Amino acid sequence: MLMMFLFLQNGLGGLIWSLLPLFIVILIFYLLVIVPHRRQQRELAQMIESLKINDEVITSGGIIGKIKEIRDTTFVILSAEKSFIEIGKNAVIGKREEKK
């Protein structure tokens, strides 16, 4: 019984101390990479939901256009004179700021 107690005391304590740096690295990775990425994704989703007709958007392909129609999963944008393009909502990466 005493032998089992000593084994668990030494073995478990050594295991915890040897794995502690790994847990610290995982925590730092989580705080520096995963949390900011989730925040950025949440802000992008909120921005896409707040878009309305005549807002200018930029797509992941670099196309800039005005929203002319909003559908369930897509936007119809006007990218040039009489050039309508239907894009997925997930292709929008940002809203173009108003020109001053």
N, C-alpha and C. Protein backbone atom coordinates (compact mmCIF):
# COMPACT_ATOMS: atom_id res chain seq x y z
N MET A 1 0.81 -1.18 0.00
CA MET A 1 0.00 0.00 0.00
C MET A 1 0.86 1.26 0.00
N LEU A 2 1.89 1.25 0.84
CA LEU A 2 2.80 2.38 0.88
C LEU A 2 3.54 2.54 -0.45
N MET A 3 3.88 1.40 -1.05
CA MET A 3 4.57 1.44 -2.34
C MET A 3 3.68 2.07 -3.41
N MET A 4 2.39 1.71 -3.42
CA MET A 4 1.45 2.27 -4.38
C MET A 4 1.31 3.78 -4.17
N PHE A 5 1.23 4.22 -2.94
CA PHE A 5 1.12 5.64 -2.63
C PHE A 5 2.35 6.40 -3.12
N LEU A 6 3.54 5.87 -2.87
CA LEU A 6 4.77 6.52 -3.32
C LEU A 6 4.85 6.56 -4.84
N PHE A 7 4.43 5.49 -5.50
CA PHE A 7 4.46 5.44 -6.96
C PHE A 7 3.53 6.49 -7.55
N LEU A 8 2.32 6.58 -7.04
CA LEU A 8 1.37 7.57 -7.54
C LEU A 8 1.82 8.99 -7.25
N GLN A 9 2.39 9.19 -6.09
CA GLN A 9 2.84 10.52 -5.71
C GLN A 9 3.98 10.99 -6.61
N ASN A 10 4.97 10.17 -6.81
CA ASN A 10 6.11 10.55 -7.63
C ASN A 10 5.77 10.54 -9.12
N GLY A 11 5.08 9.52 -9.57
CA GLY A 11 4.77 9.39 -11.00
C GLY A 11 3.83 10.47 -11.49
N LEU A 12 2.79 10.72 -10.76
CA LEU A 12 1.81 11.70 -11.18
C LEU A 12 2.36 13.12 -11.10
N GLY A 13 3.12 13.41 -10.07
CA GLY A 13 3.72 14.74 -9.94
C GLY A 13 4.71 15.01 -11.05
N GLY A 14 5.52 14.02 -11.38
CA GLY A 14 6.47 14.18 -12.47
C GLY A 14 5.79 14.33 -13.81
N LEU A 15 4.70 13.61 -14.00
CA LEU A 15 3.95 13.68 -15.25
C LEU A 15 3.33 15.07 -15.42
N ILE A 16 2.77 15.60 -14.36
CA ILE A 16 2.16 16.93 -14.44
C ILE A 16 3.21 17.98 -14.77
N TRP A 17 4.35 17.92 -14.11
CA TRP A 17 5.39 18.91 -14.36
C TRP A 17 5.99 18.77 -15.76
N SER A 18 6.03 17.57 -16.28
CA SER A 18 6.59 17.39 -17.63
C SER A 18 5.59 17.83 -18.71
N LEU A 19 4.30 17.75 -18.44
CA LEU A 19 3.29 18.17 -19.41
C LEU A 19 2.90 19.64 -19.27
N LEU A 20 3.30 20.29 -18.20
CA LEU A 20 2.94 21.69 -17.98
C LEU A 20 3.40 22.61 -19.12
N PRO A 21 4.63 22.49 -19.63
CA PRO A 21 5.01 23.35 -20.76
C PRO A 21 4.13 23.15 -22.00
N LEU A 22 3.73 21.91 -22.25
CA LEU A 22 2.84 21.64 -23.38
C LEU A 22 1.50 22.34 -23.20
N PHE A 23 0.94 22.28 -22.01
CA PHE A 23 -0.33 22.96 -21.74
C PHE A 23 -0.18 24.48 -21.87
N ILE A 24 0.94 25.01 -21.46
CA ILE A 24 1.18 26.46 -21.58
C ILE A 24 1.26 26.86 -23.05
N VAL A 25 1.95 26.07 -23.87
CA VAL A 25 2.06 26.36 -25.31
C VAL A 25 0.68 26.30 -25.97
N ILE A 26 -0.11 25.31 -25.62
CA ILE A 26 -1.46 25.19 -26.18
C ILE A 26 -2.31 26.38 -25.77
N LEU A 27 -2.21 26.81 -24.53
CA LEU A 27 -2.97 27.97 -24.06
C LEU A 27 -2.55 29.24 -24.80
N ILE A 28 -1.25 29.45 -24.97
CA ILE A 28 -0.76 30.63 -25.69
C ILE A 28 -1.23 30.60 -27.13
N PHE A 29 -1.16 29.44 -27.79
CA PHE A 29 -1.63 29.30 -29.17
C PHE A 29 -3.12 29.65 -29.25
N TYR A 30 -3.89 29.14 -28.32
CA TYR A 30 -5.33 29.41 -28.30
C TYR A 30 -5.60 30.91 -28.16
N LEU A 31 -4.89 31.56 -27.24
CA LEU A 31 -5.13 32.98 -26.99
C LEU A 31 -4.64 33.87 -28.13
N LEU A 32 -3.55 33.49 -28.79
CA LEU A 32 -2.98 34.34 -29.83
C LEU A 32 -3.52 34.07 -31.23
N VAL A 33 -4.05 32.88 -31.48
CA VAL A 33 -4.48 32.53 -32.83
C VAL A 33 -5.99 32.30 -32.91
N ILE A 34 -6.50 31.42 -32.10
CA ILE A 34 -7.89 30.99 -32.25
C ILE A 34 -8.88 32.07 -31.81
N VAL A 35 -8.65 32.71 -30.69
CA VAL A 35 -9.59 33.73 -30.19
C VAL A 35 -9.69 34.92 -31.16
N PRO A 36 -8.57 35.50 -31.65
CA PRO A 36 -8.71 36.60 -32.60
C PRO A 36 -9.38 36.19 -33.91
N HIS A 37 -9.12 34.96 -34.38
CA HIS A 37 -9.74 34.49 -35.62
C HIS A 37 -11.25 34.36 -35.45
N ARG A 38 -11.70 33.84 -34.33
CA ARG A 38 -13.13 33.74 -34.07
C ARG A 38 -13.78 35.12 -34.01
N ARG A 39 -13.09 36.08 -33.38
CA ARG A 39 -13.62 37.43 -33.29
C ARG A 39 -13.74 38.05 -34.68
N GLN A 40 -12.73 37.85 -35.51
CA GLN A 40 -12.74 38.38 -36.87
C GLN A 40 -13.87 37.75 -37.69
N GLN A 41 -14.07 36.45 -37.57
CA GLN A 41 -15.14 35.77 -38.29
C GLN A 41 -16.51 36.28 -37.83
N ARG A 42 -16.66 36.51 -36.54
CA ARG A 42 -17.93 37.02 -36.00
C ARG A 42 -18.21 38.42 -36.53
N GLU A 43 -17.20 39.29 -36.56
CA GLU A 43 -17.37 40.65 -37.07
C GLU A 43 -17.71 40.64 -38.55
N LEU A 44 -17.07 39.76 -39.33
CA LEU A 44 -17.36 39.65 -40.76
C LEU A 44 -18.79 39.19 -40.99
N ALA A 45 -19.25 38.21 -40.22
CA ALA A 45 -20.62 37.72 -40.35
C ALA A 45 -21.63 38.82 -40.01
N GLN A 46 -21.34 39.61 -38.98
CA GLN A 46 -22.23 40.72 -38.61
C GLN A 46 -22.25 41.77 -39.71
N MET A 47 -21.09 42.06 -40.30
CA MET A 47 -21.02 43.04 -41.37
C MET A 47 -21.82 42.57 -42.59
N ILE A 48 -21.70 41.29 -42.94
CA ILE A 48 -22.43 40.76 -44.09
C ILE A 48 -23.93 40.82 -43.84
N GLU A 49 -24.36 40.52 -42.63
CA GLU A 49 -25.79 40.58 -42.31
C GLU A 49 -26.32 42.01 -42.32
N SER A 50 -25.46 42.99 -42.07
CA SER A 50 -25.92 44.38 -42.02
C SER A 50 -25.88 45.07 -43.39
N LEU A 51 -25.38 44.39 -44.41
CA LEU A 51 -25.32 45.00 -45.74
C LEU A 51 -26.72 45.22 -46.30
N LYS A 52 -26.86 46.31 -47.06
CA LYS A 52 -28.15 46.62 -47.66
C LYS A 52 -27.92 47.03 -49.11
N ILE A 53 -28.99 47.22 -49.83
CA ILE A 53 -28.90 47.59 -51.24
C ILE A 53 -28.17 48.93 -51.37
N ASN A 54 -27.34 49.03 -52.41
CA ASN A 54 -26.49 50.18 -52.76
C ASN A 54 -25.25 50.31 -51.90
N ASP A 55 -24.97 49.35 -51.02
CA ASP A 55 -23.68 49.33 -50.32
C ASP A 55 -22.63 48.80 -51.29
N GLU A 56 -21.44 49.38 -51.25
CA GLU A 56 -20.34 48.89 -52.08
C GLU A 56 -19.55 47.86 -51.30
N VAL A 57 -19.28 46.72 -51.95
CA VAL A 57 -18.57 45.62 -51.31
C VAL A 57 -17.35 45.23 -52.14
N ILE A 58 -16.43 44.56 -51.47
CA ILE A 58 -15.25 44.01 -52.11
C ILE A 58 -15.32 42.50 -51.92
N THR A 59 -15.11 41.75 -53.02
CA THR A 59 -15.15 40.29 -52.93
C THR A 59 -13.75 39.73 -52.76
N SER A 60 -13.69 38.45 -52.44
CA SER A 60 -12.39 37.80 -52.27
C SER A 60 -11.63 37.72 -53.59
N GLY A 61 -12.33 37.84 -54.71
CA GLY A 61 -11.68 37.84 -56.02
C GLY A 61 -11.23 39.23 -56.45
N GLY A 62 -11.50 40.24 -55.64
CA GLY A 62 -11.08 41.60 -55.95
C GLY A 62 -12.12 42.41 -56.71
N ILE A 63 -13.29 41.87 -56.90
CA ILE A 63 -14.35 42.60 -57.60
C ILE A 63 -15.00 43.58 -56.64
N ILE A 64 -15.18 44.80 -57.12
CA ILE A 64 -15.83 45.85 -56.34
C ILE A 64 -17.15 46.17 -57.03
N GLY A 65 -18.22 46.19 -56.27
CA GLY A 65 -19.51 46.49 -56.87
C GLY A 65 -20.53 46.92 -55.85
N LYS A 66 -21.66 47.41 -56.37
CA LYS A 66 -22.77 47.83 -55.51
C LYS A 66 -23.80 46.72 -55.46
N ILE A 67 -24.32 46.49 -54.27
CA ILE A 67 -25.35 45.47 -54.10
C ILE A 67 -26.65 46.00 -54.71
N LYS A 68 -27.23 45.20 -55.61
CA LYS A 68 -28.49 45.57 -56.23
C LYS A 68 -29.64 44.68 -55.80
N GLU A 69 -29.32 43.47 -55.33
CA GLU A 69 -30.37 42.56 -54.86
C GLU A 69 -29.78 41.65 -53.80
N ILE A 70 -30.56 41.38 -52.77
CA ILE A 70 -30.12 40.49 -51.69
C ILE A 70 -31.00 39.25 -51.70
N ARG A 71 -30.36 38.09 -51.80
CA ARG A 71 -31.09 36.81 -51.78
C ARG A 71 -30.68 36.05 -50.53
N ASP A 72 -31.16 34.83 -50.39
CA ASP A 72 -30.87 34.04 -49.18
C ASP A 72 -29.38 33.85 -48.95
N THR A 73 -28.68 33.32 -49.94
CA THR A 73 -27.26 33.02 -49.78
C THR A 73 -26.38 33.78 -50.75
N THR A 74 -26.96 34.65 -51.55
CA THR A 74 -26.18 35.38 -52.55
C THR A 74 -26.56 36.85 -52.59
N PHE A 75 -25.68 37.62 -53.23
CA PHE A 75 -25.93 39.01 -53.57
C PHE A 75 -25.84 39.13 -55.08
N VAL A 76 -26.61 40.04 -55.66
CA VAL A 76 -26.42 40.43 -57.05
C VAL A 76 -25.79 41.81 -56.99
N ILE A 77 -24.59 41.93 -57.58
CA ILE A 77 -23.89 43.21 -57.53
C ILE A 77 -23.73 43.77 -58.93
N LEU A 78 -23.65 45.07 -59.00
CA LEU A 78 -23.38 45.79 -60.24
C LEU A 78 -21.91 46.18 -60.19
N SER A 79 -21.09 45.55 -61.04
CA SER A 79 -19.66 45.82 -60.98
C SER A 79 -19.22 46.85 -62.01
N ALA A 80 -19.95 46.98 -63.09
CA ALA A 80 -19.68 47.99 -64.10
C ALA A 80 -21.04 48.36 -64.71
N GLU A 81 -21.03 49.26 -65.64
CA GLU A 81 -22.29 49.67 -66.25
C GLU A 81 -22.96 48.46 -66.91
N LYS A 82 -24.14 48.10 -66.45
CA LYS A 82 -24.95 46.98 -66.96
C LYS A 82 -24.26 45.62 -66.81
N SER A 83 -23.39 45.48 -65.84
CA SER A 83 -22.70 44.21 -65.59
C SER A 83 -23.10 43.69 -64.21
N PHE A 84 -24.09 42.81 -64.19
CA PHE A 84 -24.59 42.25 -62.94
C PHE A 84 -23.92 40.91 -62.70
N ILE A 85 -23.46 40.69 -61.48
CA ILE A 85 -22.81 39.44 -61.10
C ILE A 85 -23.47 38.93 -59.83
N GLU A 86 -23.78 37.63 -59.82
CA GLU A 86 -24.32 37.02 -58.61
C GLU A 86 -23.16 36.36 -57.87
N ILE A 87 -22.98 36.76 -56.62
CA ILE A 87 -21.88 36.21 -55.81
C ILE A 87 -22.44 35.62 -54.52
N GLY A 88 -21.72 34.67 -53.97
CA GLY A 88 -22.10 34.10 -52.69
C GLY A 88 -21.80 35.09 -51.57
N LYS A 89 -22.59 35.04 -50.53
CA LYS A 89 -22.35 35.96 -49.41
C LYS A 89 -21.00 35.72 -48.76
N ASN A 90 -20.52 34.47 -48.82
CA ASN A 90 -19.22 34.18 -48.21
C ASN A 90 -18.06 34.70 -49.05
N ALA A 91 -18.32 35.21 -50.26
CA ALA A 91 -17.26 35.78 -51.09
C ALA A 91 -16.96 37.23 -50.71
N VAL A 92 -17.84 37.85 -49.94
CA VAL A 92 -17.64 39.25 -49.53
C VAL A 92 -16.62 39.29 -48.40
N ILE A 93 -15.57 40.11 -48.60
CA ILE A 93 -14.55 40.23 -47.55
C ILE A 93 -14.59 41.58 -46.85
N GLY A 94 -15.36 42.51 -47.40
CA GLY A 94 -15.42 43.80 -46.74
C GLY A 94 -16.36 44.76 -47.43
N LYS A 95 -16.66 45.80 -46.72
CA LYS A 95 -17.51 46.87 -47.24
C LYS A 95 -16.60 48.01 -47.64
N ARG A 96 -16.81 48.52 -48.84
CA ARG A 96 -15.99 49.64 -49.30
C ARG A 96 -16.49 50.91 -48.64
N GLU A 97 -15.56 51.64 -48.08
CA GLU A 97 -15.92 52.87 -47.37
C GLU A 97 -16.35 53.94 -48.36
N GLU A 98 -17.19 54.83 -47.89
CA GLU A 98 -17.69 55.93 -48.71
C GLU A 98 -16.53 56.84 -49.12
N LYS A 99 -16.59 57.31 -50.36
CA LYS A 99 -15.57 58.23 -50.85
C LYS A 99 -15.85 59.62 -50.29
N LYS A 100 -14.78 60.31 -49.89
CA LYS A 100 -14.94 61.65 -49.32
C LYS A 100 -14.70 62.71 -50.35
